[in-house]
Amino acid sequence: MKIAVTYENGNIFQHFGRTEYFKVYEVEDGKILSSEVISSNGIGHGALAGLLADRDIRTLICGGLGGGALNALTGAGIEVCAGASGDADAAVDAYLKGELTDSGANCDHHGEGHTCGHHEGEDHECCGGHEGEEGGCCGGGGCGGRQILFEGKNAGKNVKVHYRGTFDDGTQFDSSYDRGEPLAFICGAGIMIRGFDKAVADMEVGQIVDVHLMPEEAYGERNPEAILEVAIAQLPGSENLKVGDRVYLQNMAGQPFPVTVTAKDDTMITLDANHEMAGKELNFRIELVECED
């Protein structure tokens, strides 16, 4: 099964008809096998349904879209989960757990939602299922401009890279080699974390480079304001959590975001909404496999 997400800078782009990129996930048995970022080729929402259908995509996760776009997508046999926001990878993970809320056609941001995906196991009112220990090197943060962000001979080109990511102690947190498939993205478009992206911008096909990224070039410094202390009684399901668990909360719009349990006592639980890689220095070995205009 393939799932597409309107995509920009690691997040869900909020207007289906204007999205320039989709992140496409290959899924089997409820697990993500691979992903790639593709261009919408600048076509409008009517033709986007055909673009997705031609790639055998059967589910779309997006922000806002109108009734016409919704009809075109459903007519093409594509299930739509609208009204999503935040991290694209987290939204797909939540969809696979049956925890992603769909608001329907929502360009005006109205309407009540229902849950997308298939539920497995017991659901909590606020706390979602446990997240896997995937690292990855796709950038997070808010939606920014879609122009090419820096110079380099590969900037603006479609590239494919193999990479291995490690911490300073040598522990590996992610590897495209282990998955057996290179990562595809548009260099310089803000799809990747900045330090990784800039390293690829001047590489030759076949070249391998080693880069060391400080937090400001990767997932940023930790934000103390993203630490949440909540009464267990106010968060049904949290009584079953333990320190180290990584779960999902839902905001007021029913949209999921990941948090990590960092402390818990009989009455209170502390949740960290910082990205798990925030504040960390990262190392990447990058191999440029392919580069096309």
C-alpha atoms as a PDB file:
ATOM      1  CA  MET A   1       0.000   0.000   0.000  1.00  0.00           C
ATOM      2  CA  LYS A   2       1.161   3.539  -0.734  1.00  0.00           C
ATOM      3  CA  ILE A   3       0.302   6.632   1.318  1.00  0.00           C
ATOM      4  CA  ALA A   4       0.968  10.180   0.103  1.00  0.00           C
ATOM      5  CA  VAL A   5       1.286  13.293   2.282  1.00  0.00           C
ATOM      6  CA  THR A   6       1.274  16.895   1.078  1.00  0.00           C
ATOM      7  CA  TYR A   7       4.786  17.873   2.057  1.00  0.00           C
ATOM      8  CA  GLU A   8       7.034  20.811   2.865  1.00  0.00           C
ATOM      9  CA  ASN A   9      10.062  21.069   5.150  1.00  0.00           C
ATOM     10  CA  GLY A  10       9.258  17.815   6.938  1.00  0.00           C
ATOM     11  CA  ASN A  11       5.708  18.911   7.712  1.00  0.00           C
ATOM     12  CA  ILE A  12       2.264  18.493   6.165  1.00  0.00           C
ATOM     13  CA  PHE A  13       1.655  21.298   3.657  1.00  0.00           C
ATOM     14  CA  GLN A  14      -1.673  22.919   4.408  1.00  0.00           C
ATOM     15  CA  HIS A  15      -3.216  23.483   0.958  1.00  0.00           C
ATOM     16  CA  PHE A  16      -3.663  20.375  -1.181  1.00  0.00           C
ATOM     17  CA  GLY A  17      -4.143  22.223  -4.477  1.00  0.00           C
ATOM     18  CA  ARG A  18      -0.966  24.283  -4.017  1.00  0.00           C
ATOM     19  CA  THR A  19       1.401  21.646  -2.721  1.00  0.00           C
ATOM     20  CA  GLU A  20       4.648  21.382  -4.672  1.00  0.00           C
ATOM     21  CA  TYR A  21       5.699  18.077  -3.139  1.00  0.00           C
ATOM     22  CA  PHE A  22       4.276  14.832  -1.815  1.00  0.00           C
ATOM     23  CA  LYS A  23       6.067  12.419   0.458  1.00  0.00           C
ATOM     24  CA  VAL A  24       5.088   8.907  -0.608  1.00  0.00           C
ATOM     25  CA  TYR A  25       5.332   6.004   1.827  1.00  0.00           C
ATOM     26  CA  GLU A  26       5.426   2.312   0.902  1.00  0.00           C
ATOM     27  CA  VAL A  27       3.633   0.425   3.683  1.00  0.00           C
ATOM     28  CA  GLU A  28       3.227  -3.262   4.400  1.00  0.00           C
ATOM     29  CA  ASP A  29       1.644  -4.968   7.435  1.00  0.00           C
ATOM     30  CA  GLY A  30       1.204  -1.615   9.152  1.00  0.00           C
ATOM     31  CA  LYS A  31       4.902  -0.690   8.880  1.00  0.00           C
ATOM     32  CA  ILE A  32       6.701   1.864   6.707  1.00  0.00           C
ATOM     33  CA  LEU A  33       9.143   0.116   4.367  1.00  0.00           C
ATOM     34  CA  SER A  34      10.432   3.135   2.431  1.00  0.00           C
ATOM     35  CA  SER A  35       9.622   6.709   1.455  1.00  0.00           C
ATOM     36  CA  GLU A  36      10.457   9.246  -1.226  1.00  0.00           C
ATOM     37  CA  VAL A  37       9.616  12.867  -1.986  1.00  0.00           C
ATOM     38  CA  ILE A  38       8.065  13.565  -5.389  1.00  0.00           C
ATOM     39  CA  SER A  39       7.124  16.772  -7.181  1.00  0.00           C
ATOM     40  CA  SER A  40       3.542  17.721  -8.003  1.00  0.00           C
ATOM     41  CA  ASN A  41       4.911  19.216 -11.257  1.00  0.00           C
ATOM     42  CA  GLY A  42       2.953  22.394 -10.621  1.00  0.00           C
ATOM     43  CA  ILE A  43      -0.398  20.967 -11.704  1.00  0.00           C
ATOM     44  CA  GLY A  44      -3.701  21.940 -10.092  1.00  0.00           C
ATOM     45  CA  HIS A  45      -5.817  19.939  -7.672  1.00  0.00           C
ATOM     46  CA  GLY A  46      -7.968  18.386 -10.391  1.00  0.00           C
ATOM     47  CA  ALA A  47      -4.957  16.743 -12.032  1.00  0.00           C
ATOM     48  CA  LEU A  48      -3.278  15.900  -8.718  1.00  0.00           C
ATOM     49  CA  ALA A  49      -5.824  13.140  -8.130  1.00  0.00           C
ATOM     50  CA  GLY A  50      -4.730  11.521 -11.394  1.00  0.00           C
ATOM     51  CA  LEU A  51      -1.053  11.969 -10.509  1.00  0.00           C
ATOM     52  CA  LEU A  52      -1.549  10.098  -7.235  1.00  0.00           C
ATOM     53  CA  ALA A  53      -3.770   7.414  -8.762  1.00  0.00           C
ATOM     54  CA  ASP A  54      -1.195   6.765 -11.496  1.00  0.00           C
ATOM     55  CA  ARG A  55       1.335   5.976  -8.757  1.00  0.00           C
ATOM     56  CA  ASP A  56      -1.061   3.487  -7.145  1.00  0.00           C
ATOM     57  CA  ILE A  57      -1.511   5.689  -4.079  1.00  0.00           C
ATOM     58  CA  ARG A  58      -4.647   4.763  -2.168  1.00  0.00           C
ATOM     59  CA  THR A  59      -4.464   7.129   0.822  1.00  0.00           C
ATOM     60  CA  LEU A  60      -3.777  10.877   1.017  1.00  0.00           C
ATOM     61  CA  ILE A  61      -3.018  12.768   4.229  1.00  0.00           C
ATOM     62  CA  CYS A  62      -3.247  16.540   3.838  1.00  0.00           C
ATOM     63  CA  GLY A  63      -4.165  19.830   5.472  1.00  0.00           C
ATOM     64  CA  GLY A  64      -6.986  21.715   3.768  1.00  0.00           C
ATOM     65  CA  LEU A  65      -8.855  20.860   0.573  1.00  0.00           C
ATOM     66  CA  GLY A  66     -12.185  21.751  -0.958  1.00  0.00           C
ATOM     67  CA  GLY A  67     -15.164  19.663  -1.962  1.00  0.00           C
ATOM     68  CA  GLY A  68     -14.136  19.522  -5.616  1.00  0.00           C
ATOM     69  CA  ALA A  69     -10.707  18.140  -4.782  1.00  0.00           C
ATOM     70  CA  LEU A  70     -12.229  15.684  -2.316  1.00  0.00           C
ATOM     71  CA  ASN A  71     -14.648  14.417  -4.972  1.00  0.00           C
ATOM     72  CA  ALA A  72     -11.831  14.040  -7.515  1.00  0.00           C
ATOM     73  CA  LEU A  73      -9.717  12.071  -5.050  1.00  0.00           C
ATOM     74  CA  THR A  74     -12.479   9.772  -3.849  1.00  0.00           C
ATOM     75  CA  GLY A  75     -13.544   9.282  -7.456  1.00  0.00           C
ATOM     76  CA  ALA A  76     -10.017   8.062  -8.167  1.00  0.00           C
ATOM     77  CA  GLY A  77     -10.322   5.543  -5.343  1.00  0.00           C
ATOM     78  CA  ILE A  78      -8.133   7.493  -2.911  1.00  0.00           C
ATOM     79  CA  GLU A  79      -9.041   7.670   0.780  1.00  0.00           C
ATOM     80  CA  VAL A  80      -8.521  11.169   2.181  1.00  0.00           C
ATOM     81  CA  CYS A  81      -7.523  12.170   5.711  1.00  0.00           C
ATOM     82  CA  ALA A  82      -7.817  15.966   5.749  1.00  0.00           C
ATOM     83  CA  GLY A  83      -7.157  18.523   8.470  1.00  0.00           C
ATOM     84  CA  ALA A  84      -3.795  17.041   9.499  1.00  0.00           C
ATOM     85  CA  SER A  85      -0.799  19.177  10.437  1.00  0.00           C
ATOM     86  CA  GLY A  86       2.677  18.903  11.882  1.00  0.00           C
ATOM     87  CA  ASP A  87       5.290  16.237  11.235  1.00  0.00           C
ATOM     88  CA  ALA A  88       4.502  14.131   8.142  1.00  0.00           C
ATOM     89  CA  ASP A  89       6.170  10.956   9.424  1.00  0.00           C
ATOM     90  CA  ALA A  90       4.283  11.184  12.726  1.00  0.00           C
ATOM     91  CA  ALA A  91       0.977  11.622  10.885  1.00  0.00           C
ATOM     92  CA  VAL A  92       1.527   8.478   8.811  1.00  0.00           C
ATOM     93  CA  ASP A  93       2.479   6.541  11.926  1.00  0.00           C
ATOM     94  CA  ALA A  94      -0.698   7.778  13.627  1.00  0.00           C
ATOM     95  CA  TYR A  95      -2.764   6.824  10.570  1.00  0.00           C
ATOM     96  CA  LEU A  96      -1.410   3.291  10.661  1.00  0.00           C
ATOM     97  CA  LYS A  97      -2.416   3.068  14.331  1.00  0.00           C
ATOM     98  CA  GLY A  98      -5.934   4.373  13.586  1.00  0.00           C
ATOM     99  CA  GLU A  99      -5.315   7.597  15.503  1.00  0.00           C
ATOM    100  CA  LEU A 100      -5.445  10.235  12.770  1.00  0.00           C
ATOM    101  CA  THR A 101      -8.503  12.491  12.677  1.00  0.00           C
ATOM    102  CA  ASP A 102     -10.157  13.450   9.365  1.00  0.00           C
ATOM    103  CA  SER A 103     -12.109  16.710   9.182  1.00  0.00           C
ATOM    104  CA  GLY A 104     -13.364  16.133   5.626  1.00  0.00           C
ATOM    105  CA  ALA A 105     -13.398  18.934   3.044  1.00  0.00           C
ATOM    106  CA  ASN A 106     -12.028  21.718   5.200  1.00  0.00           C
ATOM    107  CA  CYS A 107     -10.694  24.698   3.276  1.00  0.00           C
ATOM    108  CA  ASP A 108     -12.802  26.785   5.655  1.00  0.00           C
ATOM    109  CA  HIS A 109     -11.619  24.714   8.648  1.00  0.00           C
ATOM    110  CA  HIS A 110     -15.097  23.633   9.717  1.00  0.00           C
ATOM    111  CA  GLY A 111     -16.688  20.317  10.526  1.00  0.00           C
ATOM    112  CA  GLU A 112     -16.291  17.514  13.004  1.00  0.00           C
ATOM    113  CA  GLY A 113     -13.690  14.836  12.386  1.00  0.00           C
ATOM    114  CA  HIS A 114     -13.662  11.090  12.378  1.00  0.00           C
ATOM    115  CA  THR A 115     -10.774   8.712  12.776  1.00  0.00           C
ATOM    116  CA  CYS A 116      -8.783   7.514   9.773  1.00  0.00           C
ATOM    117  CA  GLY A 117      -6.958   4.239   9.508  1.00  0.00           C
ATOM    118  CA  HIS A 118      -7.474   0.932  11.235  1.00  0.00           C
ATOM    119  CA  HIS A 119      -7.429   0.613  15.008  1.00  0.00           C
ATOM    120  CA  GLU A 120      -5.264  -2.027  16.567  1.00  0.00           C
ATOM    121  CA  GLY A 121      -5.433  -2.728  20.276  1.00  0.00           C
ATOM    122  CA  GLU A 122      -6.956  -0.537  22.944  1.00  0.00           C
ATOM    123  CA  ASP A 123      -7.326   3.175  22.184  1.00  0.00           C
ATOM    124  CA  HIS A 124      -6.786   5.942  24.687  1.00  0.00           C
ATOM    125  CA  GLU A 125      -8.637   9.208  24.681  1.00  0.00           C
ATOM    126  CA  CYS A 126      -5.470  11.268  24.500  1.00  0.00           C
ATOM    127  CA  CYS A 127      -2.471   8.964  24.510  1.00  0.00           C
ATOM    128  CA  GLY A 128      -1.681   7.227  21.257  1.00  0.00           C
ATOM    129  CA  GLY A 129       0.270   4.087  20.497  1.00  0.00           C
ATOM    130  CA  HIS A 130       3.980   3.728  21.023  1.00  0.00           C
ATOM    131  CA  GLU A 131       6.271   5.024  18.299  1.00  0.00           C
ATOM    132  CA  GLY A 132       9.131   3.061  16.791  1.00  0.00           C
ATOM    133  CA  GLU A 133      12.742   4.018  17.332  1.00  0.00           C
ATOM    134  CA  GLU A 134      13.370   5.427  13.890  1.00  0.00           C
ATOM    135  CA  GLY A 135      15.918   8.190  13.400  1.00  0.00           C
ATOM    136  CA  GLY A 136      15.719   9.539   9.885  1.00  0.00           C
ATOM    137  CA  CYS A 137      17.152  12.743   8.544  1.00  0.00           C
ATOM    138  CA  CYS A 138      14.148  14.584   7.192  1.00  0.00           C
ATOM    139  CA  GLY A 139      13.861  18.124   8.503  1.00  0.00           C
ATOM    140  CA  GLY A 140      11.118  19.277  10.814  1.00  0.00           C
ATOM    141  CA  GLY A 141       9.984  22.738  11.763  1.00  0.00           C
ATOM    142  CA  GLY A 142       7.367  25.036  10.326  1.00  0.00           C
ATOM    143  CA  CYS A 143       6.374  25.510   6.720  1.00  0.00           C
ATOM    144  CA  GLY A 144       8.735  27.845   4.971  1.00  0.00           C
ATOM    145  CA  GLY A 145       9.250  29.099   1.438  1.00  0.00           C
ATOM    146  CA  ARG A 146       9.427  26.599  -1.371  1.00  0.00           C
ATOM    147  CA  GLN A 147      12.273  28.287  -3.225  1.00  0.00           C
ATOM    148  CA  ILE A 148      15.736  26.751  -3.369  1.00  0.00           C
ATOM    149  CA  LEU A 149      17.334  27.883  -0.133  1.00  0.00           C
ATOM    150  CA  PHE A 150      21.045  27.889  -1.002  1.00  0.00           C
ATOM    151  CA  GLU A 151      23.486  27.575  -3.892  1.00  0.00           C
ATOM    152  CA  GLY A 152      25.300  24.487  -5.110  1.00  0.00           C
ATOM    153  CA  LYS A 153      25.597  22.587  -8.354  1.00  0.00           C
ATOM    154  CA  ASN A 154      22.994  20.059  -7.197  1.00  0.00           C
ATOM    155  CA  ALA A 155      20.602  22.618  -5.674  1.00  0.00           C
ATOM    156  CA  GLY A 156      17.160  22.290  -7.228  1.00  0.00           C
ATOM    157  CA  LYS A 157      17.906  18.844  -8.671  1.00  0.00           C
ATOM    158  CA  ASN A 158      16.288  15.504  -7.868  1.00  0.00           C
ATOM    159  CA  VAL A 159      18.855  13.467  -5.984  1.00  0.00           C
ATOM    160  CA  LYS A 160      19.056  10.012  -4.450  1.00  0.00           C
ATOM    161  CA  VAL A 161      21.460   9.287  -1.622  1.00  0.00           C
ATOM    162  CA  HIS A 162      22.430   6.425   0.624  1.00  0.00           C
ATOM    163  CA  TYR A 163      23.387   7.454   4.143  1.00  0.00           C
ATOM    164  CA  ARG A 164      24.270   6.154   7.575  1.00  0.00           C
ATOM    165  CA  GLY A 165      23.621   8.304  10.646  1.00  0.00           C
ATOM    166  CA  THR A 166      25.502   7.885  13.924  1.00  0.00           C
ATOM    167  CA  PHE A 167      25.925   9.653  17.241  1.00  0.00           C
ATOM    168  CA  ASP A 168      29.378  10.694  18.458  1.00  0.00           C
ATOM    169  CA  ASP A 169      29.766   7.429  20.386  1.00  0.00           C
ATOM    170  CA  GLY A 170      29.386   5.489  17.137  1.00  0.00           C
ATOM    171  CA  THR A 171      25.829   4.287  17.791  1.00  0.00           C
ATOM    172  CA  GLN A 172      23.853   4.092  14.541  1.00  0.00           C
ATOM    173  CA  PHE A 173      20.401   5.698  14.589  1.00  0.00           C
ATOM    174  CA  ASP A 174      19.430   5.319  10.941  1.00  0.00           C
ATOM    175  CA  SER A 175      20.667   3.842   7.666  1.00  0.00           C
ATOM    176  CA  SER A 176      19.249   3.739   4.157  1.00  0.00           C
ATOM    177  CA  TYR A 177      21.726   0.931   3.435  1.00  0.00           C
ATOM    178  CA  ASP A 178      19.922  -1.263   5.950  1.00  0.00           C
ATOM    179  CA  ARG A 179      16.608  -0.581   4.193  1.00  0.00           C
ATOM    180  CA  GLY A 180      18.148  -1.395   0.829  1.00  0.00           C
ATOM    181  CA  GLU A 181      16.805   1.731  -0.891  1.00  0.00           C
ATOM    182  CA  PRO A 182      18.307   5.221  -1.320  1.00  0.00           C
ATOM    183  CA  LEU A 183      16.498   8.321  -0.099  1.00  0.00           C
ATOM    184  CA  ALA A 184      15.082  10.587  -2.832  1.00  0.00           C
ATOM    185  CA  PHE A 185      14.531  14.331  -2.398  1.00  0.00           C
ATOM    186  CA  ILE A 186      14.969  17.716  -4.076  1.00  0.00           C
ATOM    187  CA  CYS A 187      18.271  19.197  -2.982  1.00  0.00           C
ATOM    188  CA  GLY A 188      18.077  22.666  -1.455  1.00  0.00           C
ATOM    189  CA  ALA A 189      14.277  22.766  -1.177  1.00  0.00           C
ATOM    190  CA  GLY A 190      14.212  22.546   2.630  1.00  0.00           C
ATOM    191  CA  ILE A 191      12.986  18.950   2.602  1.00  0.00           C
ATOM    192  CA  MET A 192      16.027  17.714   4.557  1.00  0.00           C
ATOM    193  CA  ILE A 193      17.752  19.066   7.635  1.00  0.00           C
ATOM    194  CA  ARG A 194      19.988  21.907   6.526  1.00  0.00           C
ATOM    195  CA  GLY A 195      23.418  20.439   7.215  1.00  0.00           C
ATOM    196  CA  PHE A 196      22.596  17.196   5.406  1.00  0.00           C
ATOM    197  CA  ASP A 197      21.097  19.106   2.463  1.00  0.00           C
ATOM    198  CA  LYS A 198      24.069  21.446   2.105  1.00  0.00           C
ATOM    199  CA  ALA A 199      26.505  18.542   2.162  1.00  0.00           C
ATOM    200  CA  VAL A 200      24.765  16.996  -0.852  1.00  0.00           C
ATOM    201  CA  ALA A 201      24.625  20.288  -2.787  1.00  0.00           C
ATOM    202  CA  ASP A 202      28.202  20.069  -4.101  1.00  0.00           C
ATOM    203  CA  MET A 203      28.764  16.312  -4.267  1.00  0.00           C
ATOM    204  CA  GLU A 204      29.579  14.284  -7.380  1.00  0.00           C
ATOM    205  CA  VAL A 205      27.611  11.150  -8.241  1.00  0.00           C
ATOM    206  CA  GLY A 206      29.440   8.227  -6.633  1.00  0.00           C
ATOM    207  CA  GLN A 207      31.176  10.445  -4.088  1.00  0.00           C
ATOM    208  CA  ILE A 208      31.007   9.597  -0.370  1.00  0.00           C
ATOM    209  CA  VAL A 209      31.417  12.302   2.278  1.00  0.00           C
ATOM    210  CA  ASP A 210      31.422  12.302   6.086  1.00  0.00           C
ATOM    211  CA  VAL A 211      29.806  15.268   7.834  1.00  0.00           C
ATOM    212  CA  HIS A 212      29.460  16.264  11.493  1.00  0.00           C
ATOM    213  CA  LEU A 213      26.422  18.428  12.237  1.00  0.00           C
ATOM    214  CA  MET A 214      25.921  20.654  15.258  1.00  0.00           C
ATOM    215  CA  PRO A 215      22.317  20.921  16.546  1.00  0.00           C
ATOM    216  CA  GLU A 216      21.673  24.194  14.705  1.00  0.00           C
ATOM    217  CA  GLU A 217      22.412  22.393  11.406  1.00  0.00           C
ATOM    218  CA  ALA A 218      20.228  19.426  12.340  1.00  0.00           C
ATOM    219  CA  TYR A 219      17.128  19.420  14.573  1.00  0.00           C
ATOM    220  CA  GLY A 220      17.892  22.550  16.574  1.00  0.00           C
ATOM    221  CA  GLU A 221      18.444  23.068  20.280  1.00  0.00           C
ATOM    222  CA  ARG A 222      16.016  21.750  22.855  1.00  0.00           C
ATOM    223  CA  ASN A 223      13.167  24.104  23.788  1.00  0.00           C
ATOM    224  CA  PRO A 224      12.366  24.110  27.524  1.00  0.00           C
ATOM    225  CA  GLU A 225       8.876  25.423  26.762  1.00  0.00           C
ATOM    226  CA  ALA A 226       8.107  22.126  24.987  1.00  0.00           C
ATOM    227  CA  ILE A 227       8.192  20.276  28.331  1.00  0.00           C
ATOM    228  CA  LEU A 228       4.624  19.573  29.474  1.00  0.00           C
ATOM    229  CA  GLU A 229       3.603  18.624  33.023  1.00  0.00           C
ATOM    230  CA  VAL A 230       0.092  17.189  33.126  1.00  0.00           C
ATOM    231  CA  ALA A 231      -2.075  15.713  35.860  1.00  0.00           C
ATOM    232  CA  ILE A 232      -2.555  11.998  35.190  1.00  0.00           C
ATOM    233  CA  ALA A 233      -6.241  12.363  36.019  1.00  0.00           C
ATOM    234  CA  GLN A 234      -6.601  14.837  33.137  1.00  0.00           C
ATOM    235  CA  LEU A 235      -4.995  12.525  30.566  1.00  0.00           C
ATOM    236  CA  PRO A 236      -6.868   9.215  30.303  1.00  0.00           C
ATOM    237  CA  GLY A 237      -4.548   6.361  29.413  1.00  0.00           C
ATOM    238  CA  SER A 238      -1.445   8.040  30.871  1.00  0.00           C
ATOM    239  CA  GLU A 239      -1.670   5.892  34.009  1.00  0.00           C
ATOM    240  CA  ASN A 240      -0.391   2.982  31.875  1.00  0.00           C
ATOM    241  CA  LEU A 241       2.669   4.828  30.576  1.00  0.00           C
ATOM    242  CA  LYS A 242       6.213   4.598  31.887  1.00  0.00           C
ATOM    243  CA  VAL A 243       9.301   6.782  31.589  1.00  0.00           C
ATOM    244  CA  GLY A 244      10.841   6.458  28.137  1.00  0.00           C
ATOM    245  CA  ASP A 245       7.591   5.700  26.323  1.00  0.00           C
ATOM    246  CA  ARG A 246       7.083   7.739  23.152  1.00  0.00           C
ATOM    247  CA  VAL A 247       3.404   8.308  22.436  1.00  0.00           C
ATOM    248  CA  TYR A 248       1.042  10.720  20.702  1.00  0.00           C
ATOM    249  CA  LEU A 249      -1.115  13.464  22.144  1.00  0.00           C
ATOM    250  CA  GLN A 250      -3.840  15.243  20.221  1.00  0.00           C
ATOM    251  CA  ASN A 251      -4.185  19.005  20.049  1.00  0.00           C
ATOM    252  CA  MET A 252      -7.541  20.806  20.205  1.00  0.00           C
ATOM    253  CA  ALA A 253      -8.112  20.093  16.499  1.00  0.00           C
ATOM    254  CA  GLY A 254      -7.571  16.365  17.033  1.00  0.00           C
ATOM    255  CA  GLN A 255      -4.210  16.355  15.263  1.00  0.00           C
ATOM    256  CA  PRO A 256      -1.445  14.093  16.641  1.00  0.00           C
ATOM    257  CA  PHE A 257       2.003  15.107  17.806  1.00  0.00           C
ATOM    258  CA  PRO A 258       4.644  12.889  19.432  1.00  0.00           C
ATOM    259  CA  VAL A 259       5.903  13.294  22.997  1.00  0.00           C
ATOM    260  CA  THR A 260       8.245  11.306  25.244  1.00  0.00           C
ATOM    261  CA  VAL A 261       7.496  10.483  28.879  1.00  0.00           C
ATOM    262  CA  THR A 262      10.395  11.857  30.953  1.00  0.00           C
ATOM    263  CA  ALA A 263       9.013  11.648  34.504  1.00  0.00           C
ATOM    264  CA  LYS A 264       6.000  10.265  36.354  1.00  0.00           C
ATOM    265  CA  ASP A 265       4.726   9.965  39.905  1.00  0.00           C
ATOM    266  CA  ASP A 266       1.380   9.032  41.439  1.00  0.00           C
ATOM    267  CA  THR A 267      -0.381  12.198  40.260  1.00  0.00           C
ATOM    268  CA  MET A 268       1.687  13.943  37.552  1.00  0.00           C
ATOM    269  CA  ILE A 269       3.350  12.967  34.275  1.00  0.00           C
ATOM    270  CA  THR A 270       5.990  14.978  32.404  1.00  0.00           C
ATOM    271  CA  LEU A 271       6.015  14.897  28.608  1.00  0.00           C
ATOM    272  CA  ASP A 272       8.702  16.212  26.283  1.00  0.00           C
ATOM    273  CA  ALA A 273       7.455  17.463  22.882  1.00  0.00           C
ATOM    274  CA  ASN A 274      10.942  18.277  21.586  1.00  0.00           C
ATOM    275  CA  HIS A 275      12.107  16.271  18.592  1.00  0.00           C
ATOM    276  CA  GLU A 276      14.028  13.251  19.853  1.00  0.00           C
ATOM    277  CA  MET A 277      17.115  14.476  17.959  1.00  0.00           C
ATOM    278  CA  ALA A 278      16.924  18.065  19.267  1.00  0.00           C
ATOM    279  CA  GLY A 279      20.120  19.262  20.904  1.00  0.00           C
ATOM    280  CA  LYS A 280      22.202  16.396  19.508  1.00  0.00           C
ATOM    281  CA  GLU A 281      25.300  16.440  17.335  1.00  0.00           C
ATOM    282  CA  LEU A 282      24.890  14.034  14.426  1.00  0.00           C
ATOM    283  CA  ASN A 283      27.263  12.325  12.022  1.00  0.00           C
ATOM    284  CA  PHE A 284      26.350  11.219   8.521  1.00  0.00           C
ATOM    285  CA  ARG A 285      28.189   9.231   5.883  1.00  0.00           C
ATOM    286  CA  ILE A 286      26.476  10.250   2.632  1.00  0.00           C
ATOM    287  CA  GLU A 287      26.815   8.656  -0.804  1.00  0.00           C
ATOM    288  CA  LEU A 288      25.317  10.477  -3.804  1.00  0.00           C
ATOM    289  CA  VAL A 289      23.765   7.747  -5.935  1.00  0.00           C
ATOM    290  CA  GLU A 290      21.872   9.753  -8.549  1.00  0.00           C
ATOM    291  CA  CYS A 291      21.348  13.380  -9.570  1.00  0.00           C
ATOM    292  CA  GLU A 292      18.914  14.597 -12.249  1.00  0.00           C
ATOM    293  CA  ASP A 293      17.540  17.983 -13.292  1.00  0.00           C
END
